[in-house]
Amino acid sequence: MPYKIKKQGGMTLVELLAAITILGIVFIGFVSIFPQMTKSNVQTEEKLETMNLARVELVLLKESPNLLSNPPYNKTSCENPQFIYEKVQDGYDYEIIYDPVEDLNKNEHNDSVKLNQIHIKVMKNEKMISETFGYLKNAEITCSL
């Protein structure tokens, strides 16, 4: 009876090394993504936090526009017609640009309505992170340094 050689089903050393190399390259690709994801998440979290801070600041100023005349608001410029204020709080620098405008229109009661634009920027290390815009209704703020 002739002797038959059975073919064994296994991987050679070269095949095993090639598979490990390919898996290593894929693994390194995945590992390099995680620091970028973490950095992106931190930036997004800071952006959301500063957007909320800017909105809270806007709501406070809408409720009481005369706050701009008191500390911690520091008036830095009285350029006609804009007034620029700065404030430092919670590790962030705020720049508030108050832009008074003329009477826009009369309402149905013939009362004069003034909407004054306000632009709030929230910065950290002199880099603007977020900003918001709004209007103060009938606010009378004068500029004097």
N, C-alpha and C. Protein backbone atom coordinates (compact mmCIF):
# COMPACT_ATOMS: atom_id res chain seq x y z
N MET A 1 0.83 -1.16 0.00
CA MET A 1 0.00 0.00 0.00
C MET A 1 0.89 1.24 0.00
N PRO A 2 0.61 2.13 -0.90
CA PRO A 2 1.46 3.33 -0.94
C PRO A 2 1.16 4.24 0.24
N TYR A 3 2.18 4.88 0.68
CA TYR A 3 2.07 5.76 1.84
C TYR A 3 1.60 7.14 1.40
N LYS A 4 0.50 7.65 2.02
CA LYS A 4 -0.06 8.96 1.67
C LYS A 4 0.36 9.98 2.72
N ILE A 5 0.77 11.14 2.26
CA ILE A 5 1.13 12.23 3.17
C ILE A 5 -0.12 13.08 3.39
N LYS A 6 -0.47 13.22 4.66
CA LYS A 6 -1.62 14.05 4.99
C LYS A 6 -1.18 15.51 5.08
N LYS A 7 -2.00 16.37 4.50
CA LYS A 7 -1.70 17.81 4.55
C LYS A 7 -2.20 18.35 5.89
N GLN A 8 -1.33 18.97 6.63
CA GLN A 8 -1.71 19.54 7.91
C GLN A 8 -2.20 20.97 7.71
N GLY A 9 -3.28 21.32 8.38
CA GLY A 9 -3.86 22.66 8.24
C GLY A 9 -3.39 23.58 9.34
N GLY A 10 -2.34 24.26 9.18
CA GLY A 10 -1.82 25.19 10.18
C GLY A 10 -1.21 26.39 9.49
N MET A 11 -0.78 27.33 10.33
CA MET A 11 -0.17 28.54 9.78
C MET A 11 1.34 28.42 9.91
N THR A 12 1.99 28.93 8.92
CA THR A 12 3.44 28.94 8.98
C THR A 12 3.89 30.13 9.82
N LEU A 13 5.11 30.15 10.18
CA LEU A 13 5.66 31.24 10.99
C LEU A 13 5.58 32.57 10.24
N VAL A 14 5.77 32.57 8.94
CA VAL A 14 5.71 33.79 8.14
C VAL A 14 4.28 34.33 8.13
N GLU A 15 3.30 33.45 7.98
CA GLU A 15 1.91 33.88 8.00
C GLU A 15 1.53 34.47 9.36
N LEU A 16 1.99 33.85 10.40
CA LEU A 16 1.72 34.33 11.75
C LEU A 16 2.34 35.71 11.98
N LEU A 17 3.56 35.92 11.57
CA LEU A 17 4.22 37.23 11.70
C LEU A 17 3.50 38.29 10.87
N ALA A 18 3.06 37.95 9.67
CA ALA A 18 2.33 38.90 8.83
C ALA A 18 1.01 39.30 9.49
N ALA A 19 0.29 38.34 10.08
CA ALA A 19 -0.98 38.64 10.75
C ALA A 19 -0.76 39.53 11.97
N ILE A 20 0.28 39.24 12.73
CA ILE A 20 0.59 40.08 13.91
C ILE A 20 0.95 41.49 13.48
N THR A 21 1.71 41.64 12.42
CA THR A 21 2.09 42.96 11.91
C THR A 21 0.86 43.75 11.47
N ILE A 22 -0.03 43.11 10.75
CA ILE A 22 -1.24 43.80 10.28
C ILE A 22 -2.11 44.20 11.47
N LEU A 23 -2.29 43.31 12.42
CA LEU A 23 -3.08 43.64 13.62
C LEU A 23 -2.43 44.78 14.41
N GLY A 24 -1.11 44.79 14.48
CA GLY A 24 -0.40 45.87 15.18
C GLY A 24 -0.63 47.22 14.52
N ILE A 25 -0.60 47.26 13.20
CA ILE A 25 -0.83 48.52 12.47
C ILE A 25 -2.26 49.01 12.71
N VAL A 26 -3.23 48.11 12.65
CA VAL A 26 -4.63 48.49 12.90
C VAL A 26 -4.79 48.98 14.34
N PHE A 27 -4.19 48.29 15.29
CA PHE A 27 -4.29 48.67 16.71
C PHE A 27 -3.68 50.05 16.95
N ILE A 28 -2.54 50.34 16.35
CA ILE A 28 -1.90 51.65 16.50
C ILE A 28 -2.79 52.74 15.92
N GLY A 29 -3.46 52.44 14.80
CA GLY A 29 -4.39 53.40 14.22
C GLY A 29 -5.53 53.73 15.17
N PHE A 30 -6.09 52.72 15.81
CA PHE A 30 -7.17 52.96 16.76
C PHE A 30 -6.70 53.71 18.00
N VAL A 31 -5.53 53.36 18.49
CA VAL A 31 -5.01 54.01 19.70
C VAL A 31 -4.73 55.49 19.45
N SER A 32 -4.30 55.85 18.25
CA SER A 32 -4.00 57.26 17.96
C SER A 32 -5.27 58.11 17.86
N ILE A 33 -6.43 57.49 17.68
CA ILE A 33 -7.69 58.24 17.60
C ILE A 33 -8.13 58.73 18.97
N PHE A 34 -7.88 57.99 20.02
CA PHE A 34 -8.39 58.33 21.36
C PHE A 34 -7.90 59.67 21.90
N PRO A 35 -6.61 60.03 21.78
CA PRO A 35 -6.22 61.36 22.25
C PRO A 35 -6.92 62.49 21.48
N GLN A 36 -7.13 62.30 20.18
CA GLN A 36 -7.84 63.31 19.40
C GLN A 36 -9.29 63.43 19.85
N MET A 37 -9.92 62.31 20.16
CA MET A 37 -11.30 62.33 20.64
C MET A 37 -11.38 63.03 21.99
N THR A 38 -10.42 62.78 22.86
CA THR A 38 -10.40 63.41 24.17
C THR A 38 -10.23 64.92 24.02
N LYS A 39 -9.32 65.34 23.17
CA LYS A 39 -9.10 66.77 22.94
C LYS A 39 -10.36 67.43 22.39
N SER A 40 -11.01 66.77 21.44
CA SER A 40 -12.24 67.29 20.86
C SER A 40 -13.34 67.39 21.92
N ASN A 41 -13.45 66.40 22.79
CA ASN A 41 -14.45 66.42 23.85
C ASN A 41 -14.20 67.55 24.83
N VAL A 42 -12.95 67.81 25.18
CA VAL A 42 -12.61 68.90 26.10
C VAL A 42 -12.97 70.24 25.47
N GLN A 43 -12.64 70.42 24.19
CA GLN A 43 -12.97 71.67 23.49
C GLN A 43 -14.49 71.87 23.42
N THR A 44 -15.22 70.82 23.13
CA THR A 44 -16.67 70.91 23.05
C THR A 44 -17.27 71.25 24.41
N GLU A 45 -16.75 70.62 25.45
CA GLU A 45 -17.25 70.90 26.81
C GLU A 45 -16.99 72.36 27.19
N GLU A 46 -15.79 72.87 26.88
CA GLU A 46 -15.47 74.26 27.20
C GLU A 46 -16.34 75.22 26.38
N LYS A 47 -16.59 74.88 25.12
CA LYS A 47 -17.44 75.71 24.27
C LYS A 47 -18.86 75.77 24.82
N LEU A 48 -19.42 74.64 25.23
CA LEU A 48 -20.76 74.61 25.81
C LEU A 48 -20.82 75.39 27.11
N GLU A 49 -19.79 75.23 27.94
CA GLU A 49 -19.76 75.95 29.22
C GLU A 49 -19.73 77.46 28.99
N THR A 50 -18.89 77.92 28.06
CA THR A 50 -18.80 79.36 27.83
C THR A 50 -20.03 79.90 27.11
N MET A 51 -20.67 79.10 26.29
CA MET A 51 -21.92 79.55 25.67
C MET A 51 -22.97 79.79 26.75
N ASN A 52 -23.03 78.88 27.72
CA ASN A 52 -23.98 79.05 28.81
C ASN A 52 -23.63 80.26 29.67
N LEU A 53 -22.33 80.48 29.93
CA LEU A 53 -21.92 81.65 30.70
C LEU A 53 -22.31 82.95 29.99
N ALA A 54 -22.12 82.98 28.67
CA ALA A 54 -22.49 84.17 27.90
C ALA A 54 -23.99 84.40 27.94
N ARG A 55 -24.77 83.34 27.84
CA ARG A 55 -26.23 83.48 27.89
C ARG A 55 -26.69 83.94 29.27
N VAL A 56 -26.07 83.40 30.32
CA VAL A 56 -26.42 83.83 31.68
C VAL A 56 -26.10 85.31 31.85
N GLU A 57 -24.96 85.73 31.34
CA GLU A 57 -24.57 87.14 31.42
C GLU A 57 -25.59 88.02 30.68
N LEU A 58 -26.02 87.58 29.53
CA LEU A 58 -27.01 88.33 28.76
C LEU A 58 -28.33 88.44 29.51
N VAL A 59 -28.76 87.35 30.12
CA VAL A 59 -30.01 87.38 30.90
C VAL A 59 -29.88 88.34 32.08
N LEU A 60 -28.74 88.30 32.78
CA LEU A 60 -28.53 89.22 33.91
C LEU A 60 -28.60 90.67 33.46
N LEU A 61 -27.98 90.96 32.32
CA LEU A 61 -27.97 92.34 31.83
C LEU A 61 -29.35 92.76 31.31
N LYS A 62 -30.10 91.81 30.77
CA LYS A 62 -31.46 92.14 30.33
C LYS A 62 -32.35 92.48 31.52
N GLU A 63 -32.16 91.73 32.61
CA GLU A 63 -32.96 91.97 33.81
C GLU A 63 -32.57 93.27 34.50
N SER A 64 -31.28 93.59 34.47
CA SER A 64 -30.81 94.79 35.15
C SER A 64 -29.66 95.42 34.37
N PRO A 65 -29.97 96.23 33.34
CA PRO A 65 -28.91 96.81 32.50
C PRO A 65 -27.98 97.74 33.27
N ASN A 66 -28.42 98.28 34.39
CA ASN A 66 -27.57 99.19 35.16
C ASN A 66 -26.39 98.49 35.80
N LEU A 67 -26.35 97.16 35.75
CA LEU A 67 -25.20 96.42 36.27
C LEU A 67 -23.92 96.84 35.55
N LEU A 68 -24.03 97.28 34.30
CA LEU A 68 -22.85 97.67 33.54
C LEU A 68 -22.13 98.86 34.18
N SER A 69 -22.83 99.63 34.99
CA SER A 69 -22.23 100.80 35.61
C SER A 69 -21.48 100.47 36.89
N ASN A 70 -21.50 99.22 37.33
CA ASN A 70 -20.92 98.82 38.62
C ASN A 70 -19.88 97.73 38.43
N PRO A 71 -18.97 97.59 39.44
CA PRO A 71 -18.04 96.46 39.38
C PRO A 71 -18.83 95.15 39.38
N PRO A 72 -18.34 94.12 38.79
CA PRO A 72 -17.00 93.88 38.26
C PRO A 72 -16.81 94.34 36.82
N TYR A 73 -17.77 95.10 36.27
CA TYR A 73 -17.64 95.56 34.89
C TYR A 73 -16.68 96.75 34.85
N ASN A 74 -15.69 96.65 34.00
CA ASN A 74 -14.68 97.68 33.87
C ASN A 74 -14.81 98.29 32.47
N LYS A 75 -15.23 99.54 32.42
CA LYS A 75 -15.41 100.20 31.13
C LYS A 75 -14.03 100.52 30.56
N THR A 76 -13.78 100.08 29.33
CA THR A 76 -12.45 100.28 28.73
C THR A 76 -12.48 101.23 27.55
N SER A 77 -13.67 101.48 27.00
CA SER A 77 -13.73 102.34 25.82
C SER A 77 -15.09 102.98 25.69
N CYS A 78 -15.09 104.22 25.24
CA CYS A 78 -16.34 104.94 24.97
C CYS A 78 -16.36 105.41 23.52
N GLU A 79 -16.01 104.50 22.60
CA GLU A 79 -16.02 104.87 21.19
C GLU A 79 -17.46 105.15 20.79
N ASN A 80 -17.64 106.21 20.05
CA ASN A 80 -18.98 106.58 19.64
C ASN A 80 -19.44 105.65 18.54
N PRO A 81 -20.54 104.96 18.63
CA PRO A 81 -21.52 104.95 19.69
C PRO A 81 -21.34 103.81 20.68
N GLN A 82 -20.33 102.93 20.47
CA GLN A 82 -20.20 101.74 21.30
C GLN A 82 -19.50 102.00 22.62
N PHE A 83 -19.92 101.28 23.64
CA PHE A 83 -19.24 101.27 24.93
C PHE A 83 -18.71 99.85 25.11
N ILE A 84 -17.47 99.73 25.54
CA ILE A 84 -16.87 98.41 25.71
C ILE A 84 -16.52 98.21 27.18
N TYR A 85 -16.95 97.07 27.71
CA TYR A 85 -16.71 96.71 29.11
C TYR A 85 -15.93 95.41 29.14
N GLU A 86 -15.18 95.24 30.21
CA GLU A 86 -14.48 93.98 30.44
C GLU A 86 -14.82 93.48 31.83
N LYS A 87 -14.79 92.17 31.96
CA LYS A 87 -15.09 91.54 33.24
C LYS A 87 -14.31 90.24 33.30
N VAL A 88 -13.73 89.94 34.45
CA VAL A 88 -13.03 88.68 34.64
C VAL A 88 -13.77 87.91 35.72
N GLN A 89 -14.16 86.68 35.38
CA GLN A 89 -14.91 85.87 36.34
C GLN A 89 -14.75 84.41 35.97
N ASP A 90 -14.59 83.56 36.98
CA ASP A 90 -14.51 82.10 36.80
C ASP A 90 -13.39 81.69 35.84
N GLY A 91 -12.31 82.45 35.80
CA GLY A 91 -11.20 82.10 34.92
C GLY A 91 -11.39 82.49 33.47
N TYR A 92 -12.46 83.21 33.19
CA TYR A 92 -12.73 83.65 31.83
C TYR A 92 -12.75 85.17 31.77
N ASP A 93 -12.36 85.69 30.61
CA ASP A 93 -12.44 87.12 30.36
C ASP A 93 -13.68 87.38 29.51
N TYR A 94 -14.47 88.33 29.93
CA TYR A 94 -15.67 88.71 29.19
C TYR A 94 -15.40 90.06 28.54
N GLU A 95 -15.81 90.20 27.30
CA GLU A 95 -15.81 91.51 26.65
C GLU A 95 -17.26 91.79 26.25
N ILE A 96 -17.79 92.89 26.74
CA ILE A 96 -19.18 93.23 26.50
C ILE A 96 -19.22 94.52 25.70
N ILE A 97 -19.77 94.45 24.51
CA ILE A 97 -19.88 95.62 23.64
C ILE A 97 -21.34 96.05 23.64
N TYR A 98 -21.57 97.23 24.17
CA TYR A 98 -22.92 97.79 24.27
C TYR A 98 -23.04 98.84 23.19
N ASP A 99 -24.02 98.68 22.33
CA ASP A 99 -24.18 99.57 21.19
C ASP A 99 -25.57 100.20 21.23
N PRO A 100 -25.68 101.42 21.80
CA PRO A 100 -26.99 102.06 21.85
C PRO A 100 -27.43 102.49 20.45
N VAL A 101 -28.72 102.34 20.20
CA VAL A 101 -29.27 102.73 18.90
C VAL A 101 -30.42 103.71 19.11
N GLU A 102 -30.80 104.33 18.03
CA GLU A 102 -31.90 105.29 18.08
C GLU A 102 -33.23 104.55 18.21
N ASP A 103 -34.29 105.32 18.47
CA ASP A 103 -35.63 104.73 18.53
C ASP A 103 -35.92 104.01 17.22
N LEU A 104 -36.30 102.77 17.31
CA LEU A 104 -36.53 102.00 16.10
C LEU A 104 -37.91 102.25 15.52
N ASN A 105 -38.90 102.26 16.36
CA ASN A 105 -40.25 102.48 15.88
C ASN A 105 -41.15 102.82 17.07
N LYS A 106 -42.34 103.10 16.77
CA LYS A 106 -43.31 103.35 17.82
C LYS A 106 -44.25 102.15 17.86
N ASN A 107 -44.61 101.74 19.08
CA ASN A 107 -45.56 100.62 19.15
C ASN A 107 -46.99 101.14 19.09
N GLU A 108 -47.95 100.27 19.29
CA GLU A 108 -49.34 100.67 19.12
C GLU A 108 -49.80 101.72 20.13
N HIS A 109 -49.07 101.91 21.23
CA HIS A 109 -49.42 102.91 22.23
C HIS A 109 -48.62 104.20 22.03
N ASN A 110 -47.94 104.31 20.90
CA ASN A 110 -47.10 105.47 20.57
C ASN A 110 -45.97 105.68 21.57
N ASP A 111 -45.55 104.61 22.22
CA ASP A 111 -44.40 104.69 23.11
C ASP A 111 -43.14 104.42 22.29
N SER A 112 -42.09 105.11 22.62
CA SER A 112 -40.84 104.92 21.93
C SER A 112 -40.18 103.63 22.42
N VAL A 113 -39.68 102.83 21.49
CA VAL A 113 -39.00 101.59 21.85
C VAL A 113 -37.56 101.69 21.40
N LYS A 114 -36.65 101.50 22.35
CA LYS A 114 -35.22 101.50 22.02
C LYS A 114 -34.67 100.10 22.28
N LEU A 115 -34.06 99.54 21.28
CA LEU A 115 -33.38 98.26 21.45
C LEU A 115 -31.89 98.53 21.28
N ASN A 116 -31.14 98.23 22.32
CA ASN A 116 -29.70 98.46 22.30
C ASN A 116 -29.00 97.11 22.16
N GLN A 117 -28.19 97.01 21.13
CA GLN A 117 -27.50 95.75 20.88
C GLN A 117 -26.40 95.52 21.90
N ILE A 118 -26.28 94.27 22.33
CA ILE A 118 -25.20 93.90 23.23
C ILE A 118 -24.54 92.64 22.66
N HIS A 119 -23.23 92.65 22.67
CA HIS A 119 -22.43 91.56 22.12
C HIS A 119 -21.50 91.10 23.23
N ILE A 120 -21.63 89.85 23.63
CA ILE A 120 -20.82 89.33 24.74
C ILE A 120 -19.88 88.26 24.19
N LYS A 121 -18.59 88.47 24.43
CA LYS A 121 -17.56 87.50 24.04
C LYS A 121 -16.98 86.90 25.31
N VAL A 122 -16.79 85.59 25.32
CA VAL A 122 -16.15 84.91 26.44
C VAL A 122 -14.82 84.37 25.92
N MET A 123 -13.74 84.76 26.61
CA MET A 123 -12.39 84.41 26.15
C MET A 123 -11.59 83.75 27.26
N LYS A 124 -10.60 83.01 26.84
CA LYS A 124 -9.64 82.42 27.78
C LYS A 124 -8.27 82.52 27.12
N ASN A 125 -7.32 83.07 27.85
CA ASN A 125 -5.96 83.27 27.31
C ASN A 125 -6.00 84.06 26.00
N GLU A 126 -6.81 85.11 25.97
CA GLU A 126 -6.96 86.01 24.83
C GLU A 126 -7.49 85.32 23.57
N LYS A 127 -8.08 84.15 23.72
CA LYS A 127 -8.68 83.44 22.59
C LYS A 127 -10.18 83.36 22.82
N MET A 128 -10.94 83.87 21.85
CA MET A 128 -12.39 83.84 22.00
C MET A 128 -12.89 82.41 21.86
N ILE A 129 -13.67 82.00 22.86
CA ILE A 129 -14.22 80.64 22.85
C ILE A 129 -15.66 80.65 22.36
N SER A 130 -16.44 81.61 22.83
CA SER A 130 -17.81 81.71 22.36
C SER A 130 -18.30 83.14 22.49
N GLU A 131 -19.43 83.40 21.86
CA GLU A 131 -20.02 84.73 21.90
C GLU A 131 -21.52 84.62 21.74
N THR A 132 -22.21 85.66 22.16
CA THR A 132 -23.65 85.72 21.98
C THR A 132 -24.05 87.17 21.75
N PHE A 133 -25.20 87.33 21.13
CA PHE A 133 -25.73 88.66 20.84
C PHE A 133 -27.12 88.75 21.44
N GLY A 134 -27.51 89.96 21.78
CA GLY A 134 -28.86 90.18 22.28
C GLY A 134 -29.18 91.66 22.25
N TYR A 135 -30.33 91.99 22.80
CA TYR A 135 -30.77 93.38 22.84
C TYR A 135 -31.26 93.72 24.23
N LEU A 136 -30.93 94.92 24.67
CA LEU A 136 -31.47 95.45 25.91
C LEU A 136 -32.55 96.44 25.53
N LYS A 137 -33.71 96.27 26.09
CA LYS A 137 -34.85 97.11 25.73
C LYS A 137 -34.89 98.33 26.63
N ASN A 138 -34.95 99.52 25.99
CA ASN A 138 -35.11 100.80 26.69
C ASN A 138 -34.04 101.03 27.77
N ALA A 139 -32.84 100.55 27.57
CA ALA A 139 -31.76 100.77 28.55
C ALA A 139 -31.13 102.14 28.30
N GLU A 140 -30.92 102.86 29.35
CA GLU A 140 -30.26 104.19 29.26
C GLU A 140 -28.94 104.10 30.00
N ILE A 141 -27.87 103.87 29.26
CA ILE A 141 -26.55 103.77 29.86
C ILE A 141 -25.68 104.83 29.22
N THR A 142 -25.03 105.62 30.03
CA THR A 142 -24.14 106.66 29.51
C THR A 142 -22.71 106.21 29.69
N CYS A 143 -21.86 106.76 28.88
CA CYS A 143 -20.45 106.37 28.93
C CYS A 143 -19.63 107.48 29.52
N SER A 144 -18.92 107.17 30.57
CA SER A 144 -17.96 108.09 31.15
C SER A 144 -16.84 107.27 31.76
N LEU A 145 -15.63 107.59 31.37
CA LEU A 145 -14.48 106.83 31.88
C LEU A 145 -13.94 107.44 33.14
